[in-house]
Amino acid sequence: MKRWFSAVILTAAALVPAACHRSGGATGQPVETTQAATPYLNRAQPRLPTLKLWLGDQELTTEVARRNVEIFTGMMFRTNLAENEAMLFVFPGPDRRAFYMRNTSVPLTAAYLAPDGTILELHDLKPFDETPAYSSSGNIQYVLEVAQGWFQRHRVSTGAVIRTPYGGLAELDWRTLRPRVRP
């Protein structure tokens, strides 16, 4: 009986959908996580480490989500996002991505970015809408979330390249948020 119960619990945990983010290429399988019950927090996460990003002459103070729990929690349970603030989701490599708005009340726009920081796609996300906004491209390594309409208000569109204080996104060591050390 105990084994059966454990098997049911493990199966149920595996079926819990990812919050805010889904990934895994053509299969659409969620990214693996080390947490047993849910891959996200049940409250707003503390402010994450920040990095200045530039899109042309526009500057964003950007929280950086790098660990699974940070990525899966994202903007859930937060109640506002200032005009020049953002959240950047960093993935280990390019793939298809999908974001949605579980427990997220702030209207957002997600920019799907290539490994070099080029904006490939823009997707408006509606509060509490759990319908995934799938990327058309399989070359998405980063996703940048801003307040909905930010890109239009600041005349930034697809093809723009995001820069950091150290150059392009590929120039960063994402563990330290400092320039990558070259051998």
N, C-alpha and C. Protein backbone atom coordinates (compact mmCIF):
# COMPACT_ATOMS: atom_id res chain seq x y z
N MET A 1 0.82 -1.18 0.00
CA MET A 1 0.00 0.00 0.00
C MET A 1 0.87 1.25 0.00
N LYS A 2 1.94 1.23 0.81
CA LYS A 2 2.81 2.39 0.91
C LYS A 2 3.49 2.67 -0.44
N ARG A 3 3.95 1.62 -1.13
CA ARG A 3 4.57 1.80 -2.44
C ARG A 3 3.58 2.36 -3.44
N TRP A 4 2.36 1.86 -3.43
CA TRP A 4 1.33 2.34 -4.34
C TRP A 4 1.07 3.82 -4.11
N PHE A 5 0.93 4.22 -2.84
CA PHE A 5 0.69 5.61 -2.49
C PHE A 5 1.86 6.49 -2.95
N SER A 6 3.09 6.05 -2.73
CA SER A 6 4.27 6.80 -3.18
C SER A 6 4.28 6.95 -4.69
N ALA A 7 3.91 5.89 -5.41
CA ALA A 7 3.88 5.96 -6.87
C ALA A 7 2.83 6.96 -7.34
N VAL A 8 1.67 6.99 -6.69
CA VAL A 8 0.62 7.94 -7.05
C VAL A 8 1.10 9.37 -6.81
N ILE A 9 1.73 9.63 -5.68
CA ILE A 9 2.23 10.97 -5.36
C ILE A 9 3.29 11.39 -6.38
N LEU A 10 4.23 10.53 -6.70
CA LEU A 10 5.27 10.87 -7.67
C LEU A 10 4.68 11.14 -9.05
N THR A 11 3.70 10.35 -9.45
CA THR A 11 3.05 10.56 -10.75
C THR A 11 2.32 11.90 -10.75
N ALA A 12 1.60 12.21 -9.69
CA ALA A 12 0.87 13.48 -9.61
C ALA A 12 1.83 14.66 -9.65
N ALA A 13 2.96 14.57 -8.94
CA ALA A 13 3.95 15.65 -8.94
C ALA A 13 4.51 15.87 -10.33
N ALA A 14 4.70 14.81 -11.08
CA ALA A 14 5.24 14.94 -12.44
C ALA A 14 4.26 15.61 -13.38
N LEU A 15 2.97 15.53 -13.09
CA LEU A 15 1.96 16.10 -13.96
C LEU A 15 1.64 17.56 -13.67
N VAL A 16 2.13 18.10 -12.54
CA VAL A 16 1.86 19.50 -12.22
C VAL A 16 2.50 20.37 -13.29
N PRO A 17 1.72 21.24 -13.93
CA PRO A 17 2.28 22.06 -15.00
C PRO A 17 3.24 23.11 -14.48
N ALA A 18 4.17 23.49 -15.32
CA ALA A 18 5.13 24.53 -14.96
C ALA A 18 4.44 25.87 -14.92
N ALA A 19 4.82 26.69 -13.97
CA ALA A 19 4.22 28.03 -13.86
C ALA A 19 5.05 29.03 -14.62
N CYS A 20 4.41 29.87 -15.35
CA CYS A 20 5.00 30.96 -16.12
C CYS A 20 5.83 30.51 -17.31
N HIS A 21 6.41 29.35 -17.27
CA HIS A 21 7.31 28.96 -18.36
C HIS A 21 7.15 27.50 -18.69
N ARG A 22 7.18 27.21 -19.96
CA ARG A 22 7.25 25.83 -20.43
C ARG A 22 8.34 25.78 -21.47
N SER A 23 9.02 24.69 -21.55
CA SER A 23 10.10 24.54 -22.51
C SER A 23 10.28 23.08 -22.84
N GLY A 24 11.16 22.81 -23.78
CA GLY A 24 11.49 21.43 -24.04
C GLY A 24 11.43 21.07 -25.50
N GLY A 25 11.44 22.06 -26.36
CA GLY A 25 11.48 21.77 -27.78
C GLY A 25 10.16 21.28 -28.32
N ALA A 26 10.23 20.51 -29.37
CA ALA A 26 9.04 20.09 -30.10
C ALA A 26 8.11 19.24 -29.24
N THR A 27 8.63 18.58 -28.24
CA THR A 27 7.78 17.72 -27.42
C THR A 27 6.93 18.53 -26.45
N GLY A 28 7.35 19.76 -26.14
CA GLY A 28 6.60 20.59 -25.22
C GLY A 28 6.68 20.12 -23.78
N GLN A 29 7.61 19.24 -23.45
CA GLN A 29 7.74 18.75 -22.09
C GLN A 29 8.30 19.84 -21.20
N PRO A 30 7.83 19.96 -19.94
CA PRO A 30 8.37 20.97 -19.04
C PRO A 30 9.84 20.72 -18.74
N VAL A 31 10.54 21.79 -18.40
CA VAL A 31 11.93 21.67 -17.97
C VAL A 31 11.96 20.87 -16.68
N GLU A 32 12.95 20.01 -16.52
CA GLU A 32 13.07 19.22 -15.30
C GLU A 32 13.32 20.14 -14.11
N THR A 33 12.88 19.72 -12.96
CA THR A 33 13.09 20.49 -11.74
C THR A 33 13.44 19.53 -10.61
N THR A 34 14.12 20.04 -9.61
CA THR A 34 14.51 19.19 -8.49
C THR A 34 13.49 19.25 -7.37
N GLN A 35 12.50 20.13 -7.45
CA GLN A 35 11.50 20.21 -6.41
C GLN A 35 10.46 19.12 -6.62
N ALA A 36 10.00 18.52 -5.51
CA ALA A 36 9.10 17.39 -5.61
C ALA A 36 7.67 17.78 -5.97
N ALA A 37 7.07 18.77 -5.30
CA ALA A 37 5.66 19.06 -5.49
C ALA A 37 5.41 20.04 -6.64
N THR A 38 5.93 21.24 -6.53
CA THR A 38 5.75 22.23 -7.59
C THR A 38 7.09 22.88 -7.89
N PRO A 39 7.31 23.27 -9.13
CA PRO A 39 8.59 23.88 -9.49
C PRO A 39 8.64 25.38 -9.20
N TYR A 40 7.58 25.92 -8.59
CA TYR A 40 7.53 27.36 -8.34
C TYR A 40 7.13 27.63 -6.89
N LEU A 41 7.36 28.87 -6.46
CA LEU A 41 6.99 29.28 -5.12
C LEU A 41 5.50 29.56 -5.06
N ASN A 42 4.91 29.50 -3.86
CA ASN A 42 3.48 29.81 -3.71
C ASN A 42 3.27 31.25 -3.23
N ARG A 43 4.27 32.08 -3.48
CA ARG A 43 4.24 33.50 -3.12
C ARG A 43 5.19 34.23 -4.07
N ALA A 44 5.15 35.55 -4.06
CA ALA A 44 6.09 36.31 -4.89
C ALA A 44 7.51 36.02 -4.42
N GLN A 45 8.39 35.82 -5.36
CA GLN A 45 9.77 35.57 -4.97
C GLN A 45 10.44 36.89 -4.60
N PRO A 46 11.46 36.82 -3.74
CA PRO A 46 12.21 38.04 -3.40
C PRO A 46 12.83 38.64 -4.66
N ARG A 47 13.14 39.91 -4.60
CA ARG A 47 13.77 40.56 -5.74
C ARG A 47 15.05 39.80 -6.10
N LEU A 48 15.22 39.52 -7.38
CA LEU A 48 16.38 38.77 -7.87
C LEU A 48 17.53 39.73 -8.16
N PRO A 49 18.76 39.21 -8.33
CA PRO A 49 19.88 40.07 -8.71
C PRO A 49 19.54 40.83 -9.99
N THR A 50 20.01 42.07 -10.07
CA THR A 50 19.66 42.91 -11.22
C THR A 50 20.87 43.22 -12.10
N LEU A 51 20.54 43.59 -13.32
CA LEU A 51 21.53 43.92 -14.34
C LEU A 51 20.91 45.01 -15.20
N LYS A 52 21.70 46.01 -15.58
CA LYS A 52 21.23 47.03 -16.52
C LYS A 52 21.28 46.45 -17.92
N LEU A 53 20.20 46.64 -18.67
CA LEU A 53 20.14 46.25 -20.07
C LEU A 53 19.77 47.47 -20.89
N TRP A 54 20.29 47.52 -22.12
CA TRP A 54 19.95 48.61 -23.03
C TRP A 54 19.39 48.05 -24.33
N LEU A 55 18.34 48.70 -24.79
CA LEU A 55 17.76 48.44 -26.11
C LEU A 55 17.81 49.80 -26.80
N GLY A 56 18.83 50.00 -27.64
CA GLY A 56 19.06 51.33 -28.20
C GLY A 56 19.40 52.27 -27.05
N ASP A 57 18.68 53.40 -26.95
CA ASP A 57 18.95 54.35 -25.87
C ASP A 57 18.06 54.12 -24.65
N GLN A 58 17.28 53.04 -24.65
CA GLN A 58 16.38 52.73 -23.53
C GLN A 58 17.07 51.81 -22.53
N GLU A 59 17.04 52.22 -21.26
CA GLU A 59 17.67 51.43 -20.20
C GLU A 59 16.62 50.74 -19.35
N LEU A 60 16.86 49.47 -19.05
CA LEU A 60 15.99 48.70 -18.17
C LEU A 60 16.79 48.17 -16.98
N THR A 61 16.25 48.31 -15.79
CA THR A 61 16.80 47.64 -14.61
C THR A 61 16.12 46.27 -14.58
N THR A 62 16.91 45.23 -14.73
CA THR A 62 16.37 43.90 -15.04
C THR A 62 16.76 42.87 -13.99
N GLU A 63 15.74 42.25 -13.40
CA GLU A 63 16.00 41.11 -12.53
C GLU A 63 16.35 39.92 -13.41
N VAL A 64 17.28 39.09 -12.93
CA VAL A 64 17.75 37.97 -13.73
C VAL A 64 17.35 36.66 -13.06
N ALA A 65 16.49 35.89 -13.75
CA ALA A 65 16.03 34.58 -13.28
C ALA A 65 16.89 33.52 -13.96
N ARG A 66 17.69 32.79 -13.15
CA ARG A 66 18.63 31.80 -13.71
C ARG A 66 18.33 30.39 -13.24
N ARG A 67 17.90 30.23 -12.00
CA ARG A 67 17.62 28.90 -11.46
C ARG A 67 16.20 28.49 -11.81
N ASN A 68 15.92 27.18 -11.84
CA ASN A 68 14.58 26.70 -12.21
C ASN A 68 13.47 27.34 -11.39
N VAL A 69 13.61 27.38 -10.07
CA VAL A 69 12.55 27.94 -9.23
C VAL A 69 12.33 29.42 -9.56
N GLU A 70 13.39 30.16 -9.88
CA GLU A 70 13.24 31.57 -10.26
C GLU A 70 12.52 31.71 -11.60
N ILE A 71 12.90 30.83 -12.54
CA ILE A 71 12.28 30.87 -13.87
C ILE A 71 10.82 30.47 -13.78
N PHE A 72 10.51 29.40 -13.08
CA PHE A 72 9.12 28.93 -13.00
C PHE A 72 8.25 29.89 -12.22
N THR A 73 8.78 30.59 -11.21
CA THR A 73 7.99 31.54 -10.42
C THR A 73 7.83 32.86 -11.17
N GLY A 74 8.90 33.34 -11.78
CA GLY A 74 8.82 34.56 -12.57
C GLY A 74 8.14 35.70 -11.85
N MET A 75 7.14 36.30 -12.49
CA MET A 75 6.41 37.45 -11.94
C MET A 75 5.15 37.04 -11.16
N MET A 76 5.00 35.75 -10.88
CA MET A 76 3.79 35.31 -10.16
C MET A 76 3.66 36.05 -8.82
N PHE A 77 2.43 36.39 -8.50
CA PHE A 77 2.03 37.00 -7.23
C PHE A 77 2.52 38.43 -7.05
N ARG A 78 3.24 38.98 -8.00
CA ARG A 78 3.65 40.39 -7.91
C ARG A 78 2.50 41.25 -8.38
N THR A 79 2.45 42.46 -7.85
CA THR A 79 1.31 43.33 -8.16
C THR A 79 1.65 44.51 -9.06
N ASN A 80 2.92 44.74 -9.32
CA ASN A 80 3.28 45.83 -10.22
C ASN A 80 4.65 45.60 -10.82
N LEU A 81 4.91 46.34 -11.90
CA LEU A 81 6.21 46.34 -12.56
C LEU A 81 6.41 47.75 -13.08
N ALA A 82 7.41 48.45 -12.59
CA ALA A 82 7.66 49.84 -12.99
C ALA A 82 8.00 49.90 -14.49
N GLU A 83 7.83 51.07 -15.07
CA GLU A 83 7.99 51.26 -16.52
C GLU A 83 9.34 50.79 -17.03
N ASN A 84 10.41 51.06 -16.35
CA ASN A 84 11.74 50.69 -16.85
C ASN A 84 12.36 49.57 -16.04
N GLU A 85 11.52 48.67 -15.58
CA GLU A 85 11.98 47.45 -14.93
C GLU A 85 11.58 46.26 -15.79
N ALA A 86 12.31 45.16 -15.62
CA ALA A 86 12.06 43.97 -16.44
C ALA A 86 12.54 42.74 -15.69
N MET A 87 12.23 41.57 -16.25
CA MET A 87 12.78 40.31 -15.75
C MET A 87 13.30 39.55 -16.97
N LEU A 88 14.56 39.10 -16.86
CA LEU A 88 15.19 38.33 -17.92
C LEU A 88 15.33 36.89 -17.46
N PHE A 89 14.82 35.97 -18.27
CA PHE A 89 14.91 34.54 -17.99
C PHE A 89 16.04 33.97 -18.83
N VAL A 90 16.99 33.32 -18.15
CA VAL A 90 18.19 32.81 -18.80
C VAL A 90 18.12 31.29 -18.85
N PHE A 91 18.26 30.74 -20.06
CA PHE A 91 18.22 29.29 -20.27
C PHE A 91 19.59 28.81 -20.73
N PRO A 92 19.92 27.54 -20.49
CA PRO A 92 21.26 27.04 -20.82
C PRO A 92 21.57 27.00 -22.31
N GLY A 93 20.57 26.98 -23.16
CA GLY A 93 20.81 26.94 -24.59
C GLY A 93 19.55 27.28 -25.34
N PRO A 94 19.65 27.46 -26.64
CA PRO A 94 18.47 27.81 -27.43
C PRO A 94 17.51 26.63 -27.58
N ASP A 95 16.22 26.96 -27.62
CA ASP A 95 15.18 25.95 -27.77
C ASP A 95 13.87 26.69 -28.05
N ARG A 96 12.79 25.95 -28.24
CA ARG A 96 11.47 26.57 -28.30
C ARG A 96 11.09 26.93 -26.86
N ARG A 97 10.37 28.03 -26.69
CA ARG A 97 9.94 28.46 -25.35
C ARG A 97 8.45 28.76 -25.38
N ALA A 98 7.84 28.74 -24.20
CA ALA A 98 6.44 29.12 -24.05
C ALA A 98 6.26 29.69 -22.66
N PHE A 99 5.66 30.86 -22.58
CA PHE A 99 5.38 31.49 -21.31
C PHE A 99 3.88 31.68 -21.16
N TYR A 100 3.42 31.67 -19.91
CA TYR A 100 2.01 31.92 -19.63
C TYR A 100 1.90 32.61 -18.28
N MET A 101 0.69 32.94 -17.84
CA MET A 101 0.50 33.88 -16.74
C MET A 101 -0.19 33.30 -15.51
N ARG A 102 0.19 32.11 -15.10
CA ARG A 102 -0.37 31.55 -13.87
C ARG A 102 -0.07 32.49 -12.70
N ASN A 103 -1.10 32.83 -11.93
CA ASN A 103 -0.95 33.67 -10.73
C ASN A 103 -0.24 34.99 -11.00
N THR A 104 -0.39 35.52 -12.20
CA THR A 104 0.28 36.77 -12.57
C THR A 104 -0.77 37.79 -12.98
N SER A 105 -0.88 38.87 -12.19
CA SER A 105 -1.92 39.87 -12.42
C SER A 105 -1.45 41.06 -13.25
N VAL A 106 -0.15 41.20 -13.45
CA VAL A 106 0.41 42.34 -14.18
C VAL A 106 0.45 42.01 -15.67
N PRO A 107 -0.18 42.82 -16.55
CA PRO A 107 -0.09 42.55 -17.98
C PRO A 107 1.36 42.73 -18.45
N LEU A 108 1.86 41.76 -19.19
CA LEU A 108 3.26 41.76 -19.60
C LEU A 108 3.39 41.56 -21.11
N THR A 109 4.54 41.95 -21.63
CA THR A 109 4.95 41.56 -22.98
C THR A 109 6.24 40.78 -22.82
N ALA A 110 6.31 39.62 -23.47
CA ALA A 110 7.51 38.78 -23.44
C ALA A 110 8.22 38.91 -24.77
N ALA A 111 9.51 39.26 -24.69
CA ALA A 111 10.36 39.30 -25.88
C ALA A 111 11.17 38.02 -25.88
N TYR A 112 11.06 37.24 -26.94
CA TYR A 112 11.81 36.00 -27.09
C TYR A 112 13.09 36.34 -27.84
N LEU A 113 14.24 36.02 -27.21
CA LEU A 113 15.54 36.48 -27.69
C LEU A 113 16.43 35.33 -28.17
N ALA A 114 17.17 35.59 -29.22
CA ALA A 114 18.18 34.66 -29.73
C ALA A 114 19.38 34.67 -28.79
N PRO A 115 20.29 33.71 -28.93
CA PRO A 115 21.48 33.67 -28.07
C PRO A 115 22.32 34.94 -28.11
N ASP A 116 22.29 35.70 -29.21
CA ASP A 116 23.07 36.94 -29.28
C ASP A 116 22.30 38.15 -28.74
N GLY A 117 21.07 37.93 -28.24
CA GLY A 117 20.29 39.02 -27.66
C GLY A 117 19.36 39.73 -28.63
N THR A 118 19.24 39.23 -29.85
CA THR A 118 18.33 39.83 -30.83
C THR A 118 16.90 39.45 -30.49
N ILE A 119 16.00 40.45 -30.50
CA ILE A 119 14.58 40.17 -30.27
C ILE A 119 14.02 39.51 -31.52
N LEU A 120 13.57 38.27 -31.37
CA LEU A 120 13.00 37.53 -32.49
C LEU A 120 11.48 37.61 -32.52
N GLU A 121 10.85 37.65 -31.34
CA GLU A 121 9.39 37.64 -31.26
C GLU A 121 8.94 38.45 -30.06
N LEU A 122 7.75 39.06 -30.17
CA LEU A 122 7.11 39.76 -29.06
C LEU A 122 5.73 39.15 -28.85
N HIS A 123 5.40 38.84 -27.59
CA HIS A 123 4.10 38.24 -27.26
C HIS A 123 3.47 38.98 -26.09
N ASP A 124 2.27 39.54 -26.28
CA ASP A 124 1.53 40.13 -25.17
C ASP A 124 0.90 39.01 -24.36
N LEU A 125 1.01 39.11 -23.04
CA LEU A 125 0.49 38.10 -22.13
C LEU A 125 -0.59 38.74 -21.25
N LYS A 126 -1.74 38.09 -21.16
CA LYS A 126 -2.87 38.62 -20.41
C LYS A 126 -2.84 38.08 -18.98
N PRO A 127 -3.19 38.94 -18.01
CA PRO A 127 -3.21 38.50 -16.61
C PRO A 127 -4.02 37.22 -16.43
N PHE A 128 -3.45 36.30 -15.67
CA PHE A 128 -4.06 35.02 -15.27
C PHE A 128 -4.38 34.08 -16.43
N ASP A 129 -3.96 34.40 -17.65
CA ASP A 129 -4.22 33.54 -18.81
C ASP A 129 -3.15 32.46 -18.86
N GLU A 130 -3.57 31.20 -18.71
CA GLU A 130 -2.62 30.10 -18.70
C GLU A 130 -2.45 29.45 -20.07
N THR A 131 -2.91 30.13 -21.12
CA THR A 131 -2.68 29.65 -22.47
C THR A 131 -1.24 29.99 -22.85
N PRO A 132 -0.41 29.01 -23.14
CA PRO A 132 0.99 29.30 -23.44
C PRO A 132 1.15 30.11 -24.73
N ALA A 133 2.07 31.07 -24.69
CA ALA A 133 2.48 31.81 -25.89
C ALA A 133 3.76 31.14 -26.38
N TYR A 134 3.59 30.21 -27.33
CA TYR A 134 4.72 29.43 -27.83
C TYR A 134 5.56 30.26 -28.80
N SER A 135 6.86 30.06 -28.76
CA SER A 135 7.73 30.72 -29.73
C SER A 135 7.59 30.02 -31.07
N SER A 136 7.73 30.79 -32.13
CA SER A 136 7.77 30.21 -33.47
C SER A 136 9.16 29.63 -33.74
N SER A 137 10.15 30.27 -33.15
CA SER A 137 11.54 29.89 -33.36
C SER A 137 12.00 28.86 -32.33
N GLY A 138 12.92 28.01 -32.73
CA GLY A 138 13.57 27.08 -31.81
C GLY A 138 14.91 27.61 -31.35
N ASN A 139 15.16 28.91 -31.60
CA ASN A 139 16.45 29.53 -31.28
C ASN A 139 16.32 30.55 -30.15
N ILE A 140 15.47 30.27 -29.16
CA ILE A 140 15.22 31.20 -28.06
C ILE A 140 16.04 30.77 -26.84
N GLN A 141 16.95 31.63 -26.41
CA GLN A 141 17.76 31.32 -25.22
C GLN A 141 17.40 32.21 -24.04
N TYR A 142 16.80 33.36 -24.30
CA TYR A 142 16.43 34.30 -23.24
C TYR A 142 15.01 34.78 -23.50
N VAL A 143 14.32 35.13 -22.42
CA VAL A 143 13.02 35.78 -22.54
C VAL A 143 13.04 36.98 -21.61
N LEU A 144 12.65 38.14 -22.15
CA LEU A 144 12.62 39.39 -21.40
C LEU A 144 11.17 39.80 -21.22
N GLU A 145 10.72 39.93 -19.96
CA GLU A 145 9.36 40.39 -19.68
C GLU A 145 9.40 41.83 -19.20
N VAL A 146 8.52 42.65 -19.80
CA VAL A 146 8.36 44.06 -19.43
C VAL A 146 6.87 44.34 -19.29
N ALA A 147 6.54 45.53 -18.76
CA ALA A 147 5.14 45.94 -18.69
C ALA A 147 4.56 45.96 -20.10
N GLN A 148 3.34 45.47 -20.23
CA GLN A 148 2.72 45.38 -21.55
C GLN A 148 2.69 46.76 -22.23
N GLY A 149 3.07 46.79 -23.48
CA GLY A 149 3.10 48.02 -24.25
C GLY A 149 4.43 48.76 -24.21
N TRP A 150 5.37 48.30 -23.38
CA TRP A 150 6.66 48.98 -23.24
C TRP A 150 7.36 49.09 -24.60
N PHE A 151 7.38 48.02 -25.36
CA PHE A 151 8.09 48.03 -26.64
C PHE A 151 7.50 49.06 -27.59
N GLN A 152 6.17 49.17 -27.65
CA GLN A 152 5.54 50.17 -28.51
C GLN A 152 5.82 51.59 -28.01
N ARG A 153 5.69 51.80 -26.70
CA ARG A 153 5.92 53.14 -26.13
C ARG A 153 7.34 53.62 -26.36
N HIS A 154 8.30 52.71 -26.42
CA HIS A 154 9.71 53.09 -26.55
C HIS A 154 10.26 52.80 -27.95
N ARG A 155 9.36 52.47 -28.87
CA ARG A 155 9.72 52.25 -30.28
C ARG A 155 10.85 51.23 -30.45
N VAL A 156 10.70 50.13 -29.73
CA VAL A 156 11.64 49.01 -29.83
C VAL A 156 10.87 47.85 -30.45
N SER A 157 11.46 47.21 -31.45
CA SER A 157 10.75 46.13 -32.14
C SER A 157 11.67 44.95 -32.39
N THR A 158 11.12 43.93 -33.05
CA THR A 158 11.93 42.77 -33.39
C THR A 158 13.13 43.23 -34.22
N GLY A 159 14.23 42.53 -34.04
CA GLY A 159 15.48 42.89 -34.72
C GLY A 159 16.40 43.72 -33.83
N ALA A 160 15.86 44.36 -32.80
CA ALA A 160 16.70 45.12 -31.86
C ALA A 160 17.57 44.14 -31.08
N VAL A 161 18.76 44.59 -30.69
CA VAL A 161 19.70 43.74 -29.95
C VAL A 161 19.90 44.32 -28.56
N ILE A 162 19.78 43.46 -27.56
CA ILE A 162 19.95 43.86 -26.17
C ILE A 162 21.43 43.87 -25.82
N ARG A 163 21.83 44.92 -25.10
CA ARG A 163 23.22 45.07 -24.66
C ARG A 163 23.27 45.13 -23.13
N THR A 164 24.41 44.77 -22.57
CA THR A 164 24.67 44.83 -21.13
C THR A 164 25.85 45.78 -20.92
N PRO A 165 26.20 46.08 -19.67
CA PRO A 165 27.38 46.92 -19.43
C PRO A 165 28.67 46.28 -19.96
N TYR A 166 28.62 44.98 -20.26
CA TYR A 166 29.81 44.25 -20.69
C TYR A 166 29.76 43.85 -22.16
N GLY A 167 28.79 44.34 -22.89
CA GLY A 167 28.62 43.97 -24.29
C GLY A 167 27.34 43.18 -24.48
N GLY A 168 27.36 42.18 -25.35
CA GLY A 168 26.18 41.37 -25.63
C GLY A 168 25.89 40.36 -24.55
N LEU A 169 24.73 39.73 -24.65
CA LEU A 169 24.34 38.72 -23.65
C LEU A 169 25.33 37.55 -23.61
N ALA A 170 25.92 37.21 -24.74
CA ALA A 170 26.88 36.11 -24.80
C ALA A 170 28.18 36.43 -24.06
N GLU A 171 28.41 37.70 -23.75
CA GLU A 171 29.65 38.11 -23.07
C GLU A 171 29.58 37.89 -21.56
N LEU A 172 28.40 37.53 -21.04
CA LEU A 172 28.22 37.42 -19.59
C LEU A 172 28.44 36.02 -19.06
N ASP A 173 28.99 35.95 -17.85
CA ASP A 173 28.99 34.73 -17.06
C ASP A 173 27.72 34.84 -16.22
N TRP A 174 26.72 34.04 -16.51
CA TRP A 174 25.41 34.19 -15.88
C TRP A 174 25.41 33.79 -14.41
N ARG A 175 26.43 33.10 -13.94
CA ARG A 175 26.51 32.78 -12.51
C ARG A 175 26.88 34.01 -11.70
N THR A 176 27.73 34.88 -12.26
CA THR A 176 28.23 36.03 -11.53
C THR A 176 27.67 37.36 -12.03
N LEU A 177 27.04 37.36 -13.20
CA LEU A 177 26.56 38.57 -13.86
C LEU A 177 27.71 39.54 -14.14
N ARG A 178 28.85 38.99 -14.43
CA ARG A 178 30.06 39.75 -14.79
C ARG A 178 30.56 39.25 -16.13
N PRO A 179 31.54 39.93 -16.72
CA PRO A 179 32.05 39.47 -18.02
C PRO A 179 32.60 38.05 -17.95
N ARG A 180 32.37 37.32 -19.01
CA ARG A 180 32.89 35.96 -19.13
C ARG A 180 34.41 36.04 -19.18
N VAL A 181 35.08 35.20 -18.40
CA VAL A 181 36.55 35.16 -18.40
C VAL A 181 36.98 34.26 -19.54
N ARG A 182 37.78 34.80 -20.43
CA ARG A 182 38.28 34.04 -21.58
C ARG A 182 39.64 33.44 -21.24
N PRO A 183 39.88 32.17 -21.63
CA PRO A 183 41.17 31.54 -21.31
C PRO A 183 42.31 32.16 -22.11
